[in-house]
C-alpha cells in the first residue's frame, strides 16, 4: 500500500494558502492581525509577494508531508519493515489486509490536524510571541489559523486514498 499520495499532498499544501487568504482577509482576521502584529498597509504591500507565496507553499508542502506521518497510522507499520513492503514478512501483508484502511477517514485526519495545531503550532507560536512581546490576540489569531489549516490538511491527507 502506497501512502505517499502526491496529489493529496499538493492539494493540502495549496489549502494552507487558501485558508490563509480567507483567514487573513481584512473582513475576517486580517485587520486585527495587522494591528496585533504591528504591521501597516505599506509594510504588507511592500513585501516581495512572489517570494513570500513560493516559500509559504514550500513550507506548507513540508507540513503536508508531516501530516501524512501524523494522521495515517499505517505509515508506522511500514516504517517497522524498513519502508519497503516487498521485503516484509508475510505477517505484514496480513496486518495490512486487516487494518490497511483503519482510521483512513477525513474525520480522523481532521482530528489529528487540529491536535497538531493545538499541541504543536500553538506552543511554538505562543513562545515566539512572548519573546517578541506580542499579545494574546496575536497568538490566538496566528495559532487559530494553524489549527484550522492543519485540520484541513489532515482531512485531505488522511481521507484521500
Protein backbone atom coordinates (compact mmCIF):
# COMPACT_ATOMS: atom_id res chain seq x y z
CA UNK A 1 0.00 0.00 0.00
CA UNK A 2 1.41 3.36 -1.01
CA UNK A 3 0.88 6.18 1.47
CA UNK A 4 2.74 8.86 -0.46
CA UNK A 5 -0.18 10.46 -2.29
CA UNK A 6 1.42 13.42 -4.08
CA UNK A 7 -1.85 14.87 -5.42
CA UNK A 8 -3.26 14.90 -1.87
CA UNK A 9 -0.06 16.45 -0.51
CA UNK A 10 -0.11 19.17 -3.18
CA UNK A 11 -3.79 19.95 -2.58
CA UNK A 12 -3.16 20.05 1.17
CA UNK A 13 -0.27 22.48 0.61
CA UNK A 14 -2.46 24.70 -1.56
CA UNK A 15 -5.17 24.55 1.10
CA UNK A 16 -2.86 26.39 3.50
CA UNK A 17 -2.73 29.32 1.08
CA UNK A 18 -6.50 29.22 0.54
CA UNK A 19 -7.22 29.18 4.28
CA UNK A 20 -4.69 31.99 4.75
CA UNK A 21 -6.34 34.06 2.03
CA UNK A 22 -9.63 33.76 3.90
CA UNK A 23 -8.29 33.93 7.49
CA UNK A 24 -6.09 36.99 6.96
CA UNK A 25 -8.64 38.82 4.82
CA UNK A 26 -9.41 42.25 6.34
CA UNK A 27 -13.06 41.21 6.70
CA UNK A 28 -12.10 38.19 8.81
CA UNK A 29 -8.93 38.49 10.98
CA UNK A 30 -6.64 40.50 8.67
CA UNK A 31 -7.18 43.91 10.23
CA UNK A 32 -6.93 42.56 13.77
CA UNK A 33 -3.79 40.58 12.84
CA UNK A 34 -2.12 43.64 11.30
CA UNK A 35 -2.81 45.64 14.46
CA UNK A 36 -1.65 42.82 16.77
CA UNK A 37 1.48 42.26 14.67
CA UNK A 38 2.26 45.96 14.47
CA UNK A 39 2.07 45.87 10.65
CA UNK A 40 0.97 48.72 8.41
CA UNK A 41 -0.65 48.55 4.97
CA UNK A 42 2.59 49.82 3.47
CA UNK A 43 4.61 47.05 5.12
CA UNK A 44 2.19 44.38 3.96
CA UNK A 45 2.11 45.68 0.40
CA UNK A 46 5.86 46.33 0.35
CA UNK A 47 6.93 42.69 0.59
CA UNK A 48 8.13 40.54 -2.29
CA UNK A 49 4.85 38.66 -2.71
CA UNK A 50 6.23 36.11 -5.19
CA UNK A 51 8.97 35.13 -2.75
CA UNK A 52 6.54 35.08 0.19
CA UNK A 53 3.98 32.85 -1.54
CA UNK A 54 6.57 30.50 -3.06
CA UNK A 55 8.23 29.97 0.33
CA UNK A 56 4.83 29.70 2.06
CA UNK A 57 3.88 26.96 -0.41
CA UNK A 58 7.17 25.10 0.17
CA UNK A 59 6.66 25.28 3.95
CA UNK A 60 3.04 24.13 3.55
CA UNK A 61 4.25 21.21 1.42
CA UNK A 62 6.63 20.18 4.22
CA UNK A 63 3.78 20.39 6.72
CA UNK A 64 1.55 18.30 4.46
CA UNK A 65 4.26 15.63 4.33
CA UNK A 66 4.37 15.70 8.13
CA UNK A 67 0.58 15.45 8.38
CA UNK A 68 0.81 12.24 6.34
CA UNK A 69 3.01 10.72 9.05
CA UNK A 70 0.82 12.06 11.84
CA UNK A 71 -2.59 11.08 10.51
CA UNK A 72 -2.04 7.85 8.55
CA UNK A 73 -1.09 5.32 11.22
CA UNK A 74 -0.24 2.63 8.70
CA UNK A 75 2.92 4.57 7.83
CA UNK A 76 4.20 3.46 11.25
CA UNK A 77 3.71 -0.19 10.30
CA UNK A 78 5.51 0.44 7.02
CA UNK A 79 8.40 2.07 8.87
CA UNK A 80 8.74 -1.05 11.04
CA UNK A 81 9.56 -3.09 7.93
CA UNK A 82 12.12 -0.57 6.73
CA UNK A 83 9.86 1.29 4.33
CA UNK A 84 9.85 -1.44 1.69
CA UNK A 85 6.79 -3.65 1.97
CA UNK A 86 8.19 -6.10 -0.61
CA UNK A 87 10.84 -7.14 1.93
CA UNK A 88 8.40 -7.58 4.80
CA UNK A 89 7.39 -10.84 6.40
CA UNK A 90 4.02 -12.32 5.41
CA UNK A 91 2.57 -11.08 8.69
CA UNK A 92 2.85 -7.51 7.36
CA UNK A 93 0.60 -8.30 4.39
CA UNK A 94 -1.88 -9.99 6.74
CA UNK A 95 -1.83 -6.99 9.06
CA UNK A 96 -2.38 -4.56 6.18
CA UNK A 97 -5.18 -6.72 4.79
CA UNK A 98 -6.93 -6.44 8.14
CA UNK A 99 -6.05 -2.83 9.05
CA UNK A 100 -4.86 -1.12 5.85
CA UNK A 101 -7.79 1.30 5.80
CA UNK A 102 -8.37 1.59 9.54
CA UNK A 103 -8.84 5.22 10.56
CA UNK A 104 -8.29 6.42 6.96
CA UNK A 105 -11.13 8.93 7.07
CA UNK A 106 -11.48 12.66 6.55
CA UNK A 107 -12.76 12.97 10.12
CA UNK A 108 -9.75 11.17 11.60
CA UNK A 109 -7.37 13.34 9.60
CA UNK A 110 -9.15 16.48 10.78
CA UNK A 111 -8.78 15.32 14.39
CA UNK A 112 -5.04 14.80 14.03
CA UNK A 113 -4.62 18.11 12.23
CA UNK A 114 -6.46 20.03 14.93
CA UNK A 115 -4.46 18.25 17.63
CA UNK A 116 -1.23 19.17 15.81
CA UNK A 117 -2.39 22.78 15.71
CA UNK A 118 -3.20 22.87 19.42
CA UNK A 119 -0.26 20.83 20.72
CA UNK A 120 2.47 21.86 18.26
CA UNK A 121 1.65 25.13 16.47
CA UNK A 122 0.12 26.96 19.43
CA UNK A 123 3.06 26.36 21.80
CA UNK A 124 5.60 27.35 19.13
CA UNK A 125 3.74 30.49 18.10
CA UNK A 126 2.99 31.34 21.72
CA UNK A 127 6.62 31.01 22.80
CA UNK A 128 7.88 33.13 19.91
CA UNK A 129 5.18 35.73 20.53
CA UNK A 130 6.09 36.01 24.21
CA UNK A 131 9.70 36.81 23.38
CA UNK A 132 8.60 39.18 20.60
CA UNK A 133 6.37 40.92 23.18
CA UNK A 134 3.22 40.21 21.20
CA UNK A 135 -0.15 39.92 22.91
CA UNK A 136 -2.71 37.16 23.26
CA UNK A 137 -4.68 38.40 20.25
CA UNK A 138 -1.62 37.89 18.03
CA UNK A 139 -1.09 34.40 19.44
CA UNK A 140 -4.69 33.30 19.01
CA UNK A 141 -5.13 34.74 15.52
CA UNK A 142 -2.00 33.01 14.24
CA UNK A 143 -2.45 29.78 16.19
CA UNK A 144 -6.10 29.69 15.16
CA UNK A 145 -5.02 29.86 11.54
CA UNK A 146 -2.71 26.88 12.04
CA UNK A 147 -5.32 24.86 13.95
CA UNK A 148 -7.76 25.31 11.06
CA UNK A 149 -5.11 24.85 8.36
CA UNK A 150 -3.62 21.69 9.87
CA UNK A 151 -7.15 20.36 10.38
CA UNK A 152 -7.88 20.90 6.70
CA UNK A 153 -4.53 19.41 5.71
CA UNK A 154 -5.10 16.35 7.88
CA UNK A 155 -8.56 15.94 6.40
CA UNK A 156 -7.19 15.93 2.86
CA UNK A 157 -4.13 13.77 3.56
CA UNK A 158 -5.83 11.07 5.63
CA UNK A 159 -9.12 10.84 3.79
CA UNK A 160 -7.84 10.91 0.22
CA UNK A 161 -6.98 7.31 -0.66
